Amino acid sequence: MSKWNVNSSITIEELLDEDFPDTFPRDITNIDIDFNSQGYYTPASMYGGTDHTGWPEEGDDERTMIEVKAFDDDGKAIELTTVQQQELFDKYENRVNEADLPEDEQDDREFRRDYDDTY
């Protein structure tokens, strides 16, 4: 089994004022969502043995918000409250969950899985 606990981020660009509730600051065009990913992965086992035991591949990846940063067209930071940050994280949670983790983290997970399986 391999386990991980990594931080990553995604950027969502070309946003318009109508993408946000009226309570949000105006002129936000880009947001960066920083998140933490914690999870595990266990590869499937095809071992049949006398009891025909084995198991399907299993894994879980929970992603939680660290911070959401907003920017205007010029790259100037726009301050958001914690509540506004959470609203944006919730709104774009599907994109956060679909985001790939950095390649070096994926390679590290593969290495740990291979290492863990041999011991």
C-alpha atoms as a PDB file:
ATOM      1  CA  MET A   1       0.000   0.000   0.000  1.00  0.00           C
ATOM      2  CA  SER A   2       1.226   3.473  -0.734  1.00  0.00           C
ATOM      3  CA  LYS A   3       0.151   6.588   1.146  1.00  0.00           C
ATOM      4  CA  TRP A   4       0.616  10.258   0.392  1.00  0.00           C
ATOM      5  CA  ASN A   5       0.034  13.670   1.906  1.00  0.00           C
ATOM      6  CA  VAL A   6       0.890  16.400  -0.613  1.00  0.00           C
ATOM      7  CA  ASN A   7      -0.030  19.985  -1.340  1.00  0.00           C
ATOM      8  CA  SER A   8      -0.865  21.103  -4.859  1.00  0.00           C
ATOM      9  CA  SER A   9      -2.826  23.814  -6.659  1.00  0.00           C
ATOM     10  CA  ILE A  10      -4.873  24.583  -9.741  1.00  0.00           C
ATOM     11  CA  THR A  11      -5.493  27.870 -11.547  1.00  0.00           C
ATOM     12  CA  ILE A  12      -8.833  28.810 -13.053  1.00  0.00           C
ATOM     13  CA  GLU A  13      -8.581  31.636 -15.586  1.00  0.00           C
ATOM     14  CA  GLU A  14     -10.794  33.939 -17.634  1.00  0.00           C
ATOM     15  CA  LEU A  15     -13.489  34.335 -15.001  1.00  0.00           C
ATOM     16  CA  LEU A  16     -16.144  37.026 -15.295  1.00  0.00           C
ATOM     17  CA  ASP A  17     -17.996  39.059 -12.657  1.00  0.00           C
ATOM     18  CA  GLU A  18     -21.131  37.001 -13.312  1.00  0.00           C
ATOM     19  CA  ASP A  19     -19.239  33.869 -12.193  1.00  0.00           C
ATOM     20  CA  PHE A  20     -19.413  35.199  -8.627  1.00  0.00           C
ATOM     21  CA  PRO A  21     -22.205  36.183  -6.232  1.00  0.00           C
ATOM     22  CA  ASP A  22     -22.822  39.912  -5.749  1.00  0.00           C
ATOM     23  CA  THR A  23     -21.141  39.754  -2.330  1.00  0.00           C
ATOM     24  CA  PHE A  24     -17.737  39.077  -3.938  1.00  0.00           C
ATOM     25  CA  PRO A  25     -15.255  41.756  -4.982  1.00  0.00           C
ATOM     26  CA  ARG A  26     -15.525  42.749  -8.648  1.00  0.00           C
ATOM     27  CA  ASP A  27     -12.853  42.300 -11.333  1.00  0.00           C
ATOM     28  CA  ILE A  28     -11.700  38.794 -10.303  1.00  0.00           C
ATOM     29  CA  THR A  29     -10.405  37.119 -13.466  1.00  0.00           C
ATOM     30  CA  ASN A  30      -8.213  34.315 -12.083  1.00  0.00           C
ATOM     31  CA  ILE A  31      -8.180  32.198  -8.957  1.00  0.00           C
ATOM     32  CA  ASP A  32      -5.565  29.849  -7.564  1.00  0.00           C
ATOM     33  CA  ILE A  33      -6.876  27.055  -5.381  1.00  0.00           C
ATOM     34  CA  ASP A  34      -4.263  25.562  -3.067  1.00  0.00           C
ATOM     35  CA  PHE A  35      -5.297  22.192  -1.671  1.00  0.00           C
ATOM     36  CA  ASN A  36      -4.007  19.241   0.297  1.00  0.00           C
ATOM     37  CA  SER A  37      -4.371  15.686  -0.963  1.00  0.00           C
ATOM     38  CA  GLN A  38      -4.193  12.768   1.440  1.00  0.00           C
ATOM     39  CA  GLY A  39      -4.793   9.254   0.283  1.00  0.00           C
ATOM     40  CA  TYR A  40      -3.718   5.696  -0.242  1.00  0.00           C
ATOM     41  CA  TYR A  41      -3.583   3.120  -2.991  1.00  0.00           C
ATOM     42  CA  THR A  42      -3.508  -0.660  -2.766  1.00  0.00           C
ATOM     43  CA  PRO A  43      -3.070  -2.560  -6.034  1.00  0.00           C
ATOM     44  CA  ALA A  44      -5.288  -5.518  -6.791  1.00  0.00           C
ATOM     45  CA  SER A  45      -4.170  -8.982  -5.787  1.00  0.00           C
ATOM     46  CA  MET A  46      -4.885 -11.911  -8.038  1.00  0.00           C
ATOM     47  CA  TYR A  47      -3.574 -14.469  -5.555  1.00  0.00           C
ATOM     48  CA  GLY A  48      -5.966 -17.388  -5.608  1.00  0.00           C
ATOM     49  CA  GLY A  49      -4.415 -19.783  -3.145  1.00  0.00           C
ATOM     50  CA  THR A  50      -6.422 -22.523  -1.535  1.00  0.00           C
ATOM     51  CA  ASP A  51      -9.041 -20.069  -0.293  1.00  0.00           C
ATOM     52  CA  HIS A  52      -9.188 -18.176  -3.599  1.00  0.00           C
ATOM     53  CA  THR A  53      -8.430 -14.988  -1.720  1.00  0.00           C
ATOM     54  CA  GLY A  54      -7.647 -11.790  -3.498  1.00  0.00           C
ATOM     55  CA  TRP A  55      -8.926  -8.248  -3.593  1.00  0.00           C
ATOM     56  CA  PRO A  56      -9.695  -5.531  -6.092  1.00  0.00           C
ATOM     57  CA  GLU A  57      -7.577  -2.422  -6.367  1.00  0.00           C
ATOM     58  CA  GLU A  58      -8.531   0.088  -3.704  1.00  0.00           C
ATOM     59  CA  GLY A  59      -7.724   3.704  -3.039  1.00  0.00           C
ATOM     60  CA  ASP A  60      -8.947   6.975  -1.685  1.00  0.00           C
ATOM     61  CA  ASP A  61      -7.884  10.574  -2.190  1.00  0.00           C
ATOM     62  CA  GLU A  62      -9.376  13.297  -0.003  1.00  0.00           C
ATOM     63  CA  ARG A  63      -8.689  16.866  -1.040  1.00  0.00           C
ATOM     64  CA  THR A  64      -9.175  19.801   1.292  1.00  0.00           C
ATOM     65  CA  MET A  65      -8.769  23.535   0.829  1.00  0.00           C
ATOM     66  CA  ILE A  66      -5.652  25.285   2.062  1.00  0.00           C
ATOM     67  CA  GLU A  67      -6.312  28.696   0.506  1.00  0.00           C
ATOM     68  CA  VAL A  68      -8.015  30.327  -2.475  1.00  0.00           C
ATOM     69  CA  LYS A  69      -6.325  33.401  -3.945  1.00  0.00           C
ATOM     70  CA  ALA A  70      -8.028  35.779  -6.364  1.00  0.00           C
ATOM     71  CA  PHE A  71      -6.396  38.084  -8.924  1.00  0.00           C
ATOM     72  CA  ASP A  72      -7.432  40.762 -11.401  1.00  0.00           C
ATOM     73  CA  ASP A  73      -6.273  41.104 -15.030  1.00  0.00           C
ATOM     74  CA  ASP A  74      -3.041  42.783 -13.936  1.00  0.00           C
ATOM     75  CA  GLY A  75      -2.173  40.005 -11.493  1.00  0.00           C
ATOM     76  CA  LYS A  76      -2.987  42.149  -8.462  1.00  0.00           C
ATOM     77  CA  ALA A  77      -4.214  40.083  -5.502  1.00  0.00           C
ATOM     78  CA  ILE A  78      -7.830  40.594  -4.419  1.00  0.00           C
ATOM     79  CA  GLU A  79      -8.579  39.810  -0.807  1.00  0.00           C
ATOM     80  CA  LEU A  80     -11.200  37.152  -0.043  1.00  0.00           C
ATOM     81  CA  THR A  81     -12.703  36.221   3.293  1.00  0.00           C
ATOM     82  CA  THR A  82     -12.395  32.653   4.554  1.00  0.00           C
ATOM     83  CA  VAL A  83     -16.095  32.149   3.799  1.00  0.00           C
ATOM     84  CA  GLN A  84     -15.640  33.393   0.210  1.00  0.00           C
ATOM     85  CA  GLN A  85     -12.617  31.120  -0.221  1.00  0.00           C
ATOM     86  CA  GLN A  86     -14.661  28.127   0.943  1.00  0.00           C
ATOM     87  CA  GLU A  87     -17.514  29.076  -1.424  1.00  0.00           C
ATOM     88  CA  LEU A  88     -15.092  29.083  -4.372  1.00  0.00           C
ATOM     89  CA  PHE A  89     -13.491  25.817  -3.283  1.00  0.00           C
ATOM     90  CA  ASP A  90     -16.945  24.218  -3.080  1.00  0.00           C
ATOM     91  CA  LYS A  91     -17.938  25.659  -6.466  1.00  0.00           C
ATOM     92  CA  TYR A  92     -14.826  24.293  -8.201  1.00  0.00           C
ATOM     93  CA  GLU A  93     -14.414  21.133  -6.102  1.00  0.00           C
ATOM     94  CA  ASN A  94     -14.949  18.870  -9.133  1.00  0.00           C
ATOM     95  CA  ARG A  95     -12.020  20.528 -10.908  1.00  0.00           C
ATOM     96  CA  VAL A  96      -9.882  20.183  -7.780  1.00  0.00           C
ATOM     97  CA  ASN A  97     -10.742  16.484  -7.542  1.00  0.00           C
ATOM     98  CA  GLU A  98      -9.971  15.941 -11.243  1.00  0.00           C
ATOM     99  CA  ALA A  99      -6.601  17.710 -11.042  1.00  0.00           C
ATOM    100  CA  ASP A 100      -3.500  15.568 -11.418  1.00  0.00           C
ATOM    101  CA  LEU A 101      -0.976  15.688  -8.645  1.00  0.00           C
ATOM    102  CA  PRO A 102       2.539  16.798  -9.617  1.00  0.00           C
ATOM    103  CA  GLU A 103       4.422  14.125 -11.578  1.00  0.00           C
ATOM    104  CA  ASP A 104       7.167  13.790  -8.980  1.00  0.00           C
ATOM    105  CA  GLU A 105       4.513  13.017  -6.363  1.00  0.00           C
ATOM    106  CA  GLN A 106       2.952  10.408  -8.648  1.00  0.00           C
ATOM    107  CA  ASP A 107       6.364   8.844  -9.227  1.00  0.00           C
ATOM    108  CA  ASP A 108       6.973   8.873  -5.494  1.00  0.00           C
ATOM    109  CA  ARG A 109       3.643   7.110  -4.906  1.00  0.00           C
ATOM    110  CA  GLU A 110       4.587   4.477  -7.500  1.00  0.00           C
ATOM    111  CA  PHE A 111       7.973   3.964  -5.853  1.00  0.00           C
ATOM    112  CA  ARG A 112       6.427   3.652  -2.401  1.00  0.00           C
ATOM    113  CA  ARG A 113       3.816   1.234  -3.702  1.00  0.00           C
ATOM    114  CA  ASP A 114       6.508  -0.947  -5.259  1.00  0.00           C
ATOM    115  CA  TYR A 115       8.657  -0.689  -2.135  1.00  0.00           C
ATOM    116  CA  ASP A 116       5.762  -1.425   0.223  1.00  0.00           C
ATOM    117  CA  ASP A 117       4.704  -4.444  -1.849  1.00  0.00           C
ATOM    118  CA  THR A 118       8.122  -6.060  -1.537  1.00  0.00           C
ATOM    119  CA  TYR A 119       8.320  -5.872   2.269  1.00  0.00           C
END
